[in-house]
Amino acid sequence: MKRKNEHPSNTAIVIAMHGMPPKDFPRGDLSEFFTLHGRIQSAPNSLSDTQKTRYTQLHDEMRNWPRTPENDPFHAAAKEISSLLREKLDYPVHVGYNEFCAPSMDEAFASAAAGVPTRILVVTPMLTRGGDHAELDIPAAIKRAQERFPNINFTYCWPFGTHYIASFLAAQVRRFLPKNSTRRSVNPKHKVGVDEKRSS
């Protein structure tokens, strides 16, 4: 909910997405990329300078590969979500990808900051705890952005309460249940957990 007399441009939203390789990226290059990617993850010092340069070249080529709904439905869905979120919140919404796709998180933050907002809210559809992107990569990108744009307040709208995730999934499951299916009654003795209290 917006504060009274607050202009929409005072706030910008950045959606942090995972990113996927395009389906029509050359198979040989894709295989080479993930071989190098695996080595960087497990033993970064094992790559020669030539291999590191090749890895960067392949990643840049993949990130900037033309996207269509056919070759990257994940990218198409991210664009649709950002458009719908913009309509619902009436704030500028930018999308950034952790890997495999442009714009990067750093580029998305720079794009959002160009509008000179006083705050940037960061949200991701990665709901559950424990993932490297949500736990490590996105906070690291936010930290870099905060250092780069010290006059902007950055807020990471995460984690999601487990009760909220369960309610979201339950609503989706109900869409596929027969209309005459028996509904289990809610236990009246259920106690509100830590996540419920924090997210209510």
N, C-alpha and C. Protein backbone atom coordinates (compact mmCIF):
# COMPACT_ATOMS: atom_id res chain seq x y z
N MET A 1 0.84 -1.20 0.00
CA MET A 1 0.00 0.00 0.00
C MET A 1 0.88 1.25 0.00
N LYS A 2 0.58 2.20 -0.86
CA LYS A 2 1.40 3.39 -0.94
C LYS A 2 1.16 4.34 0.22
N ARG A 3 2.21 5.06 0.60
CA ARG A 3 2.04 6.09 1.61
C ARG A 3 1.29 7.26 1.01
N LYS A 4 0.65 8.01 1.87
CA LYS A 4 -0.13 9.16 1.41
C LYS A 4 0.78 10.18 0.75
N ASN A 5 0.36 10.69 -0.40
CA ASN A 5 1.08 11.69 -1.17
C ASN A 5 2.41 11.19 -1.72
N GLU A 6 2.61 9.90 -1.74
CA GLU A 6 3.86 9.36 -2.28
C GLU A 6 3.71 9.13 -3.78
N HIS A 7 4.61 9.73 -4.54
CA HIS A 7 4.57 9.55 -6.00
C HIS A 7 5.11 8.18 -6.34
N PRO A 8 4.51 7.48 -7.32
CA PRO A 8 4.96 6.14 -7.66
C PRO A 8 6.44 6.04 -7.99
N SER A 9 7.04 7.13 -8.57
CA SER A 9 8.44 7.08 -8.97
C SER A 9 9.38 7.03 -7.78
N ASN A 10 8.88 7.27 -6.56
CA ASN A 10 9.73 7.18 -5.38
C ASN A 10 10.12 5.74 -5.07
N THR A 11 9.40 4.81 -5.65
CA THR A 11 9.64 3.39 -5.40
C THR A 11 9.78 2.65 -6.72
N ALA A 12 10.73 1.74 -6.77
CA ALA A 12 10.89 0.87 -7.93
C ALA A 12 10.96 -0.57 -7.44
N ILE A 13 10.53 -1.49 -8.27
CA ILE A 13 10.54 -2.91 -7.94
C ILE A 13 11.52 -3.62 -8.87
N VAL A 14 12.32 -4.51 -8.30
CA VAL A 14 13.17 -5.38 -9.11
C VAL A 14 12.80 -6.82 -8.80
N ILE A 15 12.44 -7.57 -9.83
CA ILE A 15 12.15 -9.00 -9.68
C ILE A 15 13.42 -9.78 -10.01
N ALA A 16 13.87 -10.57 -9.06
CA ALA A 16 15.08 -11.38 -9.24
C ALA A 16 14.69 -12.77 -9.72
N MET A 17 15.04 -13.07 -10.96
CA MET A 17 14.70 -14.35 -11.56
C MET A 17 15.94 -15.23 -11.68
N HIS A 18 15.72 -16.53 -11.89
CA HIS A 18 16.84 -17.45 -12.04
C HIS A 18 17.52 -17.25 -13.39
N GLY A 19 16.79 -17.46 -14.47
CA GLY A 19 17.34 -17.40 -15.81
C GLY A 19 17.58 -18.80 -16.37
N MET A 20 17.32 -18.98 -17.66
CA MET A 20 17.49 -20.27 -18.31
C MET A 20 18.21 -20.08 -19.65
N PRO A 21 19.02 -21.06 -20.07
CA PRO A 21 19.61 -20.98 -21.40
C PRO A 21 18.52 -21.09 -22.47
N PRO A 22 18.64 -20.37 -23.59
CA PRO A 22 17.64 -20.50 -24.65
C PRO A 22 17.71 -21.89 -25.28
N LYS A 23 16.57 -22.40 -25.69
CA LYS A 23 16.49 -23.75 -26.23
C LYS A 23 17.25 -23.92 -27.54
N ASP A 24 17.41 -22.83 -28.29
CA ASP A 24 18.08 -22.95 -29.57
C ASP A 24 19.55 -22.51 -29.52
N PHE A 25 20.09 -22.39 -28.30
CA PHE A 25 21.52 -22.11 -28.19
C PHE A 25 22.28 -23.34 -28.68
N PRO A 26 23.35 -23.17 -29.49
CA PRO A 26 24.05 -24.34 -30.05
C PRO A 26 24.42 -25.37 -28.99
N ARG A 27 24.05 -26.64 -29.26
CA ARG A 27 24.25 -27.70 -28.27
C ARG A 27 25.72 -27.87 -27.88
N GLY A 28 26.61 -27.79 -28.87
CA GLY A 28 28.02 -27.96 -28.56
C GLY A 28 28.54 -26.87 -27.65
N ASP A 29 28.13 -25.63 -27.91
CA ASP A 29 28.55 -24.50 -27.07
C ASP A 29 27.93 -24.62 -25.68
N LEU A 30 26.68 -25.10 -25.62
CA LEU A 30 26.02 -25.26 -24.32
C LEU A 30 26.74 -26.30 -23.47
N SER A 31 27.10 -27.42 -24.09
CA SER A 31 27.82 -28.47 -23.38
C SER A 31 29.18 -27.97 -22.89
N GLU A 32 29.87 -27.23 -23.74
CA GLU A 32 31.16 -26.67 -23.35
C GLU A 32 31.00 -25.69 -22.20
N PHE A 33 29.96 -24.87 -22.28
CA PHE A 33 29.73 -23.88 -21.23
C PHE A 33 29.51 -24.55 -19.87
N PHE A 34 28.64 -25.56 -19.84
CA PHE A 34 28.33 -26.18 -18.55
C PHE A 34 29.50 -27.02 -18.02
N THR A 35 30.35 -27.51 -18.91
CA THR A 35 31.56 -28.19 -18.46
C THR A 35 32.46 -27.19 -17.73
N LEU A 36 32.65 -26.04 -18.34
CA LEU A 36 33.47 -24.99 -17.72
C LEU A 36 32.79 -24.45 -16.47
N HIS A 37 31.47 -24.30 -16.53
CA HIS A 37 30.70 -23.79 -15.39
C HIS A 37 30.87 -24.71 -14.18
N GLY A 38 30.80 -26.02 -14.42
CA GLY A 38 30.97 -26.98 -13.33
C GLY A 38 32.35 -26.90 -12.72
N ARG A 39 33.36 -26.70 -13.55
CA ARG A 39 34.72 -26.61 -13.03
C ARG A 39 34.92 -25.32 -12.23
N ILE A 40 34.30 -24.24 -12.68
CA ILE A 40 34.39 -22.98 -11.94
C ILE A 40 33.74 -23.11 -10.56
N GLN A 41 32.62 -23.85 -10.53
CA GLN A 41 31.92 -24.03 -9.27
C GLN A 41 32.70 -24.91 -8.30
N SER A 42 33.35 -25.94 -8.81
CA SER A 42 34.01 -26.92 -7.94
C SER A 42 35.50 -26.64 -7.72
N ALA A 43 36.17 -26.14 -8.77
CA ALA A 43 37.61 -25.89 -8.65
C ALA A 43 37.99 -24.72 -9.55
N PRO A 44 37.69 -23.50 -9.14
CA PRO A 44 37.90 -22.33 -10.00
C PRO A 44 39.34 -22.11 -10.43
N ASN A 45 40.28 -22.55 -9.60
CA ASN A 45 41.69 -22.34 -9.94
C ASN A 45 42.22 -23.34 -10.96
N SER A 46 41.36 -24.29 -11.37
CA SER A 46 41.81 -25.32 -12.31
C SER A 46 41.72 -24.87 -13.76
N LEU A 47 41.09 -23.73 -14.01
CA LEU A 47 40.93 -23.25 -15.38
C LEU A 47 42.09 -22.35 -15.80
N SER A 48 42.51 -22.52 -17.02
CA SER A 48 43.54 -21.64 -17.57
C SER A 48 42.91 -20.30 -17.94
N ASP A 49 43.73 -19.30 -18.20
CA ASP A 49 43.22 -17.99 -18.61
C ASP A 49 42.42 -18.10 -19.90
N THR A 50 42.87 -18.96 -20.80
CA THR A 50 42.14 -19.16 -22.06
C THR A 50 40.76 -19.75 -21.81
N GLN A 51 40.68 -20.70 -20.88
CA GLN A 51 39.38 -21.31 -20.56
C GLN A 51 38.46 -20.32 -19.87
N LYS A 52 39.01 -19.49 -19.00
CA LYS A 52 38.20 -18.47 -18.33
C LYS A 52 37.64 -17.47 -19.35
N THR A 53 38.48 -17.09 -20.30
CA THR A 53 38.04 -16.17 -21.35
C THR A 53 36.94 -16.81 -22.20
N ARG A 54 37.11 -18.08 -22.50
CA ARG A 54 36.11 -18.79 -23.28
C ARG A 54 34.79 -18.90 -22.52
N TYR A 55 34.87 -19.17 -21.23
CA TYR A 55 33.67 -19.26 -20.40
C TYR A 55 32.91 -17.93 -20.41
N THR A 56 33.63 -16.82 -20.23
CA THR A 56 33.00 -15.51 -20.24
C THR A 56 32.37 -15.22 -21.59
N GLN A 57 33.08 -15.60 -22.67
CA GLN A 57 32.56 -15.40 -24.01
C GLN A 57 31.25 -16.16 -24.22
N LEU A 58 31.23 -17.42 -23.80
CA LEU A 58 30.02 -18.24 -23.96
C LEU A 58 28.87 -17.70 -23.12
N HIS A 59 29.17 -17.29 -21.89
CA HIS A 59 28.12 -16.77 -21.00
C HIS A 59 27.53 -15.48 -21.57
N ASP A 60 28.39 -14.59 -22.05
CA ASP A 60 27.90 -13.34 -22.63
C ASP A 60 27.05 -13.61 -23.87
N GLU A 61 27.49 -14.56 -24.68
CA GLU A 61 26.73 -14.90 -25.88
C GLU A 61 25.37 -15.48 -25.50
N MET A 62 25.35 -16.34 -24.48
CA MET A 62 24.10 -16.94 -24.03
C MET A 62 23.17 -15.88 -23.43
N ARG A 63 23.70 -15.02 -22.60
CA ARG A 63 22.89 -13.99 -21.94
C ARG A 63 22.23 -13.06 -22.95
N ASN A 64 22.93 -12.77 -24.03
CA ASN A 64 22.42 -11.81 -25.01
C ASN A 64 21.78 -12.47 -26.22
N TRP A 65 21.56 -13.77 -26.14
CA TRP A 65 20.89 -14.50 -27.22
C TRP A 65 19.44 -14.00 -27.35
N PRO A 66 18.96 -13.74 -28.57
CA PRO A 66 17.57 -13.25 -28.73
C PRO A 66 16.57 -14.22 -28.11
N ARG A 67 15.68 -13.68 -27.29
CA ARG A 67 14.68 -14.50 -26.61
C ARG A 67 13.32 -14.37 -27.27
N THR A 68 12.62 -15.50 -27.37
CA THR A 68 11.24 -15.55 -27.83
C THR A 68 10.47 -16.46 -26.88
N PRO A 69 9.15 -16.40 -26.90
CA PRO A 69 8.37 -17.34 -26.07
C PRO A 69 8.65 -18.79 -26.41
N GLU A 70 9.09 -19.04 -27.65
CA GLU A 70 9.36 -20.42 -28.06
C GLU A 70 10.70 -20.92 -27.55
N ASN A 71 11.74 -20.10 -27.63
CA ASN A 71 13.06 -20.59 -27.21
C ASN A 71 13.36 -20.34 -25.74
N ASP A 72 12.54 -19.50 -25.08
CA ASP A 72 12.74 -19.28 -23.64
C ASP A 72 11.42 -18.90 -22.98
N PRO A 73 10.55 -19.90 -22.74
CA PRO A 73 9.26 -19.61 -22.08
C PRO A 73 9.43 -19.04 -20.68
N PHE A 74 10.56 -19.36 -20.02
CA PHE A 74 10.82 -18.79 -18.69
C PHE A 74 10.96 -17.27 -18.78
N HIS A 75 11.70 -16.81 -19.77
CA HIS A 75 11.89 -15.38 -19.98
C HIS A 75 10.56 -14.71 -20.32
N ALA A 76 9.75 -15.36 -21.16
CA ALA A 76 8.45 -14.81 -21.53
C ALA A 76 7.54 -14.69 -20.30
N ALA A 77 7.58 -15.70 -19.43
CA ALA A 77 6.76 -15.66 -18.22
C ALA A 77 7.23 -14.55 -17.29
N ALA A 78 8.54 -14.35 -17.19
CA ALA A 78 9.08 -13.28 -16.34
C ALA A 78 8.60 -11.92 -16.82
N LYS A 79 8.58 -11.71 -18.13
CA LYS A 79 8.09 -10.45 -18.68
C LYS A 79 6.61 -10.25 -18.38
N GLU A 80 5.85 -11.33 -18.48
CA GLU A 80 4.41 -11.24 -18.20
C GLU A 80 4.17 -10.93 -16.73
N ILE A 81 4.92 -11.59 -15.85
CA ILE A 81 4.78 -11.33 -14.41
C ILE A 81 5.12 -9.89 -14.09
N SER A 82 6.19 -9.38 -14.68
CA SER A 82 6.59 -7.99 -14.39
C SER A 82 5.53 -7.01 -14.85
N SER A 83 4.92 -7.30 -16.00
CA SER A 83 3.87 -6.42 -16.51
C SER A 83 2.65 -6.43 -15.60
N LEU A 84 2.26 -7.62 -15.14
CA LEU A 84 1.11 -7.72 -14.25
C LEU A 84 1.39 -7.08 -12.90
N LEU A 85 2.62 -7.24 -12.40
CA LEU A 85 2.99 -6.64 -11.12
C LEU A 85 2.98 -5.11 -11.22
N ARG A 86 3.41 -4.60 -12.36
CA ARG A 86 3.39 -3.15 -12.58
C ARG A 86 1.95 -2.63 -12.55
N GLU A 87 1.03 -3.39 -13.14
CA GLU A 87 -0.37 -2.97 -13.13
C GLU A 87 -0.95 -3.00 -11.72
N LYS A 88 -0.59 -4.01 -10.95
CA LYS A 88 -1.16 -4.17 -9.62
C LYS A 88 -0.61 -3.16 -8.61
N LEU A 89 0.67 -2.80 -8.75
CA LEU A 89 1.31 -1.93 -7.76
C LEU A 89 1.46 -0.48 -8.22
N ASP A 90 1.38 -0.26 -9.52
CA ASP A 90 1.55 1.08 -10.09
C ASP A 90 2.94 1.64 -9.78
N TYR A 91 3.93 0.78 -9.77
CA TYR A 91 5.33 1.18 -9.63
C TYR A 91 6.11 0.66 -10.83
N PRO A 92 7.22 1.31 -11.16
CA PRO A 92 8.09 0.75 -12.20
C PRO A 92 8.62 -0.61 -11.75
N VAL A 93 8.61 -1.58 -12.66
CA VAL A 93 9.08 -2.93 -12.34
C VAL A 93 10.18 -3.33 -13.34
N HIS A 94 11.29 -3.81 -12.80
CA HIS A 94 12.42 -4.23 -13.62
C HIS A 94 12.72 -5.69 -13.31
N VAL A 95 13.19 -6.41 -14.32
CA VAL A 95 13.52 -7.82 -14.15
C VAL A 95 15.02 -8.00 -14.29
N GLY A 96 15.62 -8.76 -13.37
CA GLY A 96 17.03 -9.11 -13.45
C GLY A 96 17.19 -10.62 -13.32
N TYR A 97 18.22 -11.15 -13.96
CA TYR A 97 18.45 -12.60 -13.94
C TYR A 97 19.78 -12.92 -13.28
N ASN A 98 19.79 -13.97 -12.48
CA ASN A 98 21.00 -14.38 -11.78
C ASN A 98 22.04 -14.96 -12.73
N GLU A 99 21.57 -15.62 -13.78
CA GLU A 99 22.52 -16.21 -14.73
C GLU A 99 21.79 -16.57 -16.02
N PHE A 100 22.59 -16.79 -17.06
CA PHE A 100 22.14 -17.31 -18.35
C PHE A 100 21.35 -16.34 -19.21
N CYS A 101 20.94 -15.21 -18.68
CA CYS A 101 20.04 -14.32 -19.40
C CYS A 101 20.31 -12.87 -19.00
N ALA A 102 20.09 -11.97 -19.93
CA ALA A 102 20.21 -10.53 -19.66
C ALA A 102 18.81 -9.92 -19.49
N PRO A 103 18.72 -8.85 -18.68
CA PRO A 103 19.79 -8.17 -17.96
C PRO A 103 20.18 -8.91 -16.67
N SER A 104 21.42 -8.71 -16.26
CA SER A 104 21.88 -9.27 -15.00
C SER A 104 21.23 -8.51 -13.85
N MET A 105 21.42 -9.01 -12.63
CA MET A 105 20.89 -8.31 -11.47
C MET A 105 21.52 -6.92 -11.35
N ASP A 106 22.82 -6.82 -11.59
CA ASP A 106 23.50 -5.52 -11.52
C ASP A 106 22.91 -4.56 -12.54
N GLU A 107 22.63 -5.06 -13.74
CA GLU A 107 22.06 -4.21 -14.79
C GLU A 107 20.63 -3.80 -14.46
N ALA A 108 19.88 -4.70 -13.86
CA ALA A 108 18.50 -4.38 -13.48
C ALA A 108 18.47 -3.31 -12.40
N PHE A 109 19.38 -3.41 -11.43
CA PHE A 109 19.45 -2.39 -10.38
C PHE A 109 19.84 -1.03 -10.96
N ALA A 110 20.78 -1.03 -11.91
CA ALA A 110 21.18 0.22 -12.54
C ALA A 110 20.02 0.84 -13.31
N SER A 111 19.23 0.00 -13.99
CA SER A 111 18.07 0.49 -14.72
C SER A 111 17.04 1.08 -13.77
N ALA A 112 16.80 0.39 -12.65
CA ALA A 112 15.85 0.90 -11.66
C ALA A 112 16.34 2.20 -11.04
N ALA A 113 17.64 2.28 -10.76
CA ALA A 113 18.21 3.47 -10.13
C ALA A 113 18.18 4.68 -11.06
N ALA A 114 18.15 4.44 -12.37
CA ALA A 114 18.12 5.54 -13.33
C ALA A 114 16.87 6.40 -13.18
N GLY A 115 15.81 5.82 -12.62
CA GLY A 115 14.59 6.58 -12.38
C GLY A 115 14.65 7.42 -11.12
N VAL A 116 15.76 7.39 -10.43
CA VAL A 116 16.03 8.15 -9.20
C VAL A 116 14.97 7.88 -8.12
N PRO A 117 14.71 6.63 -7.81
CA PRO A 117 13.78 6.33 -6.71
C PRO A 117 14.48 6.53 -5.37
N THR A 118 13.70 6.64 -4.32
CA THR A 118 14.29 6.70 -2.98
C THR A 118 14.43 5.31 -2.37
N ARG A 119 13.70 4.35 -2.93
CA ARG A 119 13.81 2.98 -2.44
C ARG A 119 13.56 2.00 -3.58
N ILE A 120 14.22 0.86 -3.47
CA ILE A 120 14.03 -0.23 -4.43
C ILE A 120 13.69 -1.48 -3.63
N LEU A 121 12.55 -2.08 -3.95
CA LEU A 121 12.12 -3.31 -3.31
C LEU A 121 12.45 -4.47 -4.23
N VAL A 122 13.08 -5.48 -3.67
CA VAL A 122 13.52 -6.63 -4.45
C VAL A 122 12.69 -7.84 -4.06
N VAL A 123 12.10 -8.50 -5.04
CA VAL A 123 11.27 -9.66 -4.77
C VAL A 123 11.65 -10.77 -5.75
N THR A 124 11.42 -12.00 -5.36
CA THR A 124 11.73 -13.13 -6.23
C THR A 124 10.64 -14.19 -6.10
N PRO A 125 10.37 -14.92 -7.17
CA PRO A 125 9.42 -16.03 -7.07
C PRO A 125 10.04 -17.29 -6.47
N MET A 126 11.30 -17.22 -6.08
CA MET A 126 11.94 -18.35 -5.40
C MET A 126 11.44 -18.36 -3.95
N LEU A 127 10.46 -19.21 -3.69
CA LEU A 127 9.71 -19.11 -2.44
C LEU A 127 10.41 -19.72 -1.23
N THR A 128 11.02 -20.88 -1.40
CA THR A 128 11.51 -21.62 -0.23
C THR A 128 12.94 -21.26 0.12
N ARG A 129 13.27 -21.44 1.37
CA ARG A 129 14.62 -21.17 1.85
C ARG A 129 15.59 -22.26 1.37
N GLY A 130 16.86 -21.95 1.41
CA GLY A 130 17.88 -22.95 1.15
C GLY A 130 18.54 -22.88 -0.21
N GLY A 131 17.94 -22.16 -1.16
CA GLY A 131 18.54 -22.07 -2.49
C GLY A 131 19.66 -21.05 -2.53
N ASP A 132 20.70 -21.33 -3.29
CA ASP A 132 21.85 -20.42 -3.35
C ASP A 132 21.48 -19.05 -3.90
N HIS A 133 20.62 -19.01 -4.92
CA HIS A 133 20.26 -17.71 -5.49
C HIS A 133 19.55 -16.84 -4.46
N ALA A 134 18.52 -17.39 -3.83
CA ALA A 134 17.73 -16.60 -2.88
C ALA A 134 18.52 -16.27 -1.62
N GLU A 135 19.32 -17.22 -1.15
CA GLU A 135 20.05 -17.05 0.11
C GLU A 135 21.35 -16.26 -0.05
N LEU A 136 22.03 -16.43 -1.19
CA LEU A 136 23.38 -15.87 -1.33
C LEU A 136 23.50 -14.87 -2.49
N ASP A 137 23.13 -15.28 -3.69
CA ASP A 137 23.41 -14.47 -4.87
C ASP A 137 22.62 -13.16 -4.89
N ILE A 138 21.33 -13.24 -4.57
CA ILE A 138 20.51 -12.02 -4.60
C ILE A 138 20.94 -11.04 -3.50
N PRO A 139 21.14 -11.49 -2.25
CA PRO A 139 21.66 -10.56 -1.23
C PRO A 139 23.01 -9.94 -1.63
N ALA A 140 23.87 -10.72 -2.28
CA ALA A 140 25.16 -10.19 -2.71
C ALA A 140 24.97 -9.10 -3.77
N ALA A 141 24.03 -9.32 -4.69
CA ALA A 141 23.75 -8.32 -5.71
C ALA A 141 23.16 -7.06 -5.09
N ILE A 142 22.30 -7.23 -4.10
CA ILE A 142 21.72 -6.08 -3.40
C ILE A 142 22.81 -5.29 -2.69
N LYS A 143 23.75 -5.99 -2.07
CA LYS A 143 24.85 -5.32 -1.38
C LYS A 143 25.69 -4.50 -2.36
N ARG A 144 25.98 -5.07 -3.53
CA ARG A 144 26.73 -4.32 -4.54
C ARG A 144 25.96 -3.08 -4.98
N ALA A 145 24.65 -3.24 -5.17
CA ALA A 145 23.82 -2.12 -5.61
C ALA A 145 23.76 -1.04 -4.54
N GLN A 146 23.67 -1.44 -3.27
CA GLN A 146 23.61 -0.47 -2.18
C GLN A 146 24.89 0.35 -2.11
N GLU A 147 26.02 -0.32 -2.36
CA GLU A 147 27.31 0.39 -2.36
C GLU A 147 27.42 1.32 -3.56
N ARG A 148 26.83 0.90 -4.67
CA ARG A 148 26.90 1.71 -5.89
C ARG A 148 25.93 2.88 -5.84
N PHE A 149 24.78 2.68 -5.18
CA PHE A 149 23.75 3.72 -5.09
C PHE A 149 23.41 3.97 -3.62
N PRO A 150 24.29 4.63 -2.88
CA PRO A 150 24.10 4.79 -1.43
C PRO A 150 22.90 5.64 -1.03
N ASN A 151 22.37 6.42 -1.94
CA ASN A 151 21.22 7.28 -1.61
C ASN A 151 19.88 6.58 -1.77
N ILE A 152 19.92 5.32 -2.20
CA ILE A 152 18.70 4.56 -2.39
C ILE A 152 18.61 3.49 -1.30
N ASN A 153 17.44 3.34 -0.72
CA ASN A 153 17.22 2.31 0.29
C ASN A 153 16.75 1.02 -0.40
N PHE A 154 17.50 -0.06 -0.20
CA PHE A 154 17.17 -1.35 -0.80
C PHE A 154 16.55 -2.28 0.25
N THR A 155 15.43 -2.91 -0.12
CA THR A 155 14.76 -3.85 0.76
C THR A 155 14.52 -5.16 0.03
N TYR A 156 14.96 -6.25 0.62
CA TYR A 156 14.75 -7.58 0.05
C TYR A 156 13.48 -8.17 0.65
N CYS A 157 12.44 -8.32 -0.15
CA CYS A 157 11.14 -8.80 0.33
C CYS A 157 11.15 -10.33 0.39
N TRP A 158 11.91 -10.85 1.29
CA TRP A 158 12.14 -12.29 1.40
C TRP A 158 12.69 -12.57 2.79
N PRO A 159 12.46 -13.73 3.42
CA PRO A 159 11.81 -14.92 2.87
C PRO A 159 10.29 -14.84 2.96
N PHE A 160 9.64 -15.78 2.31
CA PHE A 160 8.20 -15.94 2.40
C PHE A 160 7.89 -16.83 3.60
N GLY A 161 6.83 -16.49 4.34
CA GLY A 161 6.41 -17.35 5.43
C GLY A 161 5.92 -18.70 4.90
N THR A 162 6.25 -19.77 5.61
CA THR A 162 5.85 -21.09 5.13
C THR A 162 4.33 -21.24 5.08
N HIS A 163 3.62 -20.55 5.98
CA HIS A 163 2.15 -20.63 5.95
C HIS A 163 1.62 -19.99 4.67
N TYR A 164 2.28 -18.91 4.21
CA TYR A 164 1.85 -18.26 2.97
C TYR A 164 2.09 -19.17 1.78
N ILE A 165 3.24 -19.82 1.76
CA ILE A 165 3.56 -20.74 0.66
C ILE A 165 2.54 -21.87 0.62
N ALA A 166 2.23 -22.42 1.81
CA ALA A 166 1.26 -23.52 1.88
C ALA A 166 -0.12 -23.06 1.39
N SER A 167 -0.53 -21.85 1.76
CA SER A 167 -1.83 -21.33 1.32
C SER A 167 -1.85 -21.12 -0.20
N PHE A 168 -0.75 -20.61 -0.73
CA PHE A 168 -0.64 -20.41 -2.17
C PHE A 168 -0.74 -21.73 -2.91
N LEU A 169 -0.03 -22.76 -2.43
CA LEU A 169 -0.06 -24.07 -3.07
C LEU A 169 -1.43 -24.73 -2.90
N ALA A 170 -2.03 -24.54 -1.73
CA ALA A 170 -3.36 -25.12 -1.50
C ALA A 170 -4.39 -24.54 -2.46
N ALA A 171 -4.30 -23.23 -2.70
CA ALA A 171 -5.23 -22.58 -3.62
C ALA A 171 -5.06 -23.14 -5.04
N GLN A 172 -3.82 -23.40 -5.41
CA GLN A 172 -3.57 -23.98 -6.73
C GLN A 172 -4.10 -25.41 -6.82
N VAL A 173 -3.91 -26.20 -5.77
CA VAL A 173 -4.40 -27.58 -5.75
C VAL A 173 -5.92 -27.61 -5.85
N ARG A 174 -6.59 -26.68 -5.15
CA ARG A 174 -8.05 -26.65 -5.14
C ARG A 174 -8.62 -26.41 -6.55
N ARG A 175 -7.86 -25.75 -7.40
CA ARG A 175 -8.33 -25.51 -8.76
C ARG A 175 -8.49 -26.81 -9.53
N PHE A 176 -7.80 -27.85 -9.08
CA PHE A 176 -7.82 -29.12 -9.81
C PHE A 176 -8.59 -30.21 -9.06
N LEU A 177 -9.15 -29.87 -7.92
CA LEU A 177 -9.95 -30.84 -7.17
C LEU A 177 -11.37 -30.90 -7.73
N PRO A 178 -12.00 -32.08 -7.70
CA PRO A 178 -13.41 -32.17 -8.09
C PRO A 178 -14.26 -31.29 -7.18
N LYS A 179 -15.28 -30.70 -7.74
CA LYS A 179 -16.11 -29.78 -6.95
C LYS A 179 -16.79 -30.45 -5.78
N ASN A 180 -17.05 -31.76 -5.88
CA ASN A 180 -17.74 -32.47 -4.80
C ASN A 180 -16.77 -33.20 -3.87
N SER A 181 -15.45 -32.85 -3.95
CA SER A 181 -14.48 -33.53 -3.09
C SER A 181 -14.68 -33.11 -1.64
N THR A 182 -14.41 -34.01 -0.73
CA THR A 182 -14.59 -33.74 0.70
C THR A 182 -13.48 -32.83 1.18
N ARG A 183 -13.86 -31.79 1.88
CA ARG A 183 -12.90 -30.83 2.40
C ARG A 183 -12.60 -31.16 3.85
N ARG A 184 -11.32 -31.33 4.16
CA ARG A 184 -10.93 -31.63 5.53
C ARG A 184 -11.07 -30.37 6.38
N SER A 185 -11.69 -30.51 7.54
CA SER A 185 -11.88 -29.36 8.41
C SER A 185 -10.56 -28.92 9.01
N VAL A 186 -10.46 -27.62 9.28
CA VAL A 186 -9.25 -27.06 9.86
C VAL A 186 -9.24 -27.32 11.35
N ASN A 187 -8.12 -27.73 11.89
CA ASN A 187 -7.98 -27.98 13.31
C ASN A 187 -8.08 -26.67 14.08
N PRO A 188 -9.12 -26.50 14.91
CA PRO A 188 -9.30 -25.23 15.63
C PRO A 188 -8.20 -24.98 16.65
N LYS A 189 -7.45 -26.03 17.02
CA LYS A 189 -6.39 -25.87 18.01
C LYS A 189 -5.05 -25.50 17.37
N HIS A 190 -5.06 -25.30 16.04
CA HIS A 190 -3.81 -24.95 15.36
C HIS A 190 -3.26 -23.65 15.92
N LYS A 191 -2.00 -23.66 16.25
CA LYS A 191 -1.36 -22.47 16.78
C LYS A 191 -0.58 -21.77 15.68
N VAL A 192 -0.58 -20.45 15.73
CA VAL A 192 0.13 -19.66 14.74
C VAL A 192 1.62 -19.81 14.98
N GLY A 193 2.36 -20.17 13.93
CA GLY A 193 3.80 -20.35 14.04
C GLY A 193 4.55 -19.05 13.92
N VAL A 194 5.86 -19.13 14.00
CA VAL A 194 6.71 -17.96 13.91
C VAL A 194 6.54 -17.27 12.57
N ASP A 195 6.50 -18.07 11.48
CA ASP A 195 6.34 -17.48 10.15
C ASP A 195 5.03 -16.75 10.01
N GLU A 196 3.94 -17.35 10.58
CA GLU A 196 2.63 -16.70 10.49
C GLU A 196 2.64 -15.36 11.19
N LYS A 197 3.25 -15.31 12.40
CA LYS A 197 3.28 -14.06 13.15
C LYS A 197 4.07 -13.00 12.42
N ARG A 198 5.24 -13.42 11.87
CA ARG A 198 6.11 -12.46 11.22
C ARG A 198 5.52 -11.92 9.95
N SER A 199 4.76 -12.76 9.21
CA SER A 199 4.28 -12.36 7.90
C SER A 199 2.86 -11.85 7.90
N SER A 200 2.19 -11.88 9.05
CA SER A 200 0.80 -11.43 9.09
C SER A 200 0.70 -9.92 9.09
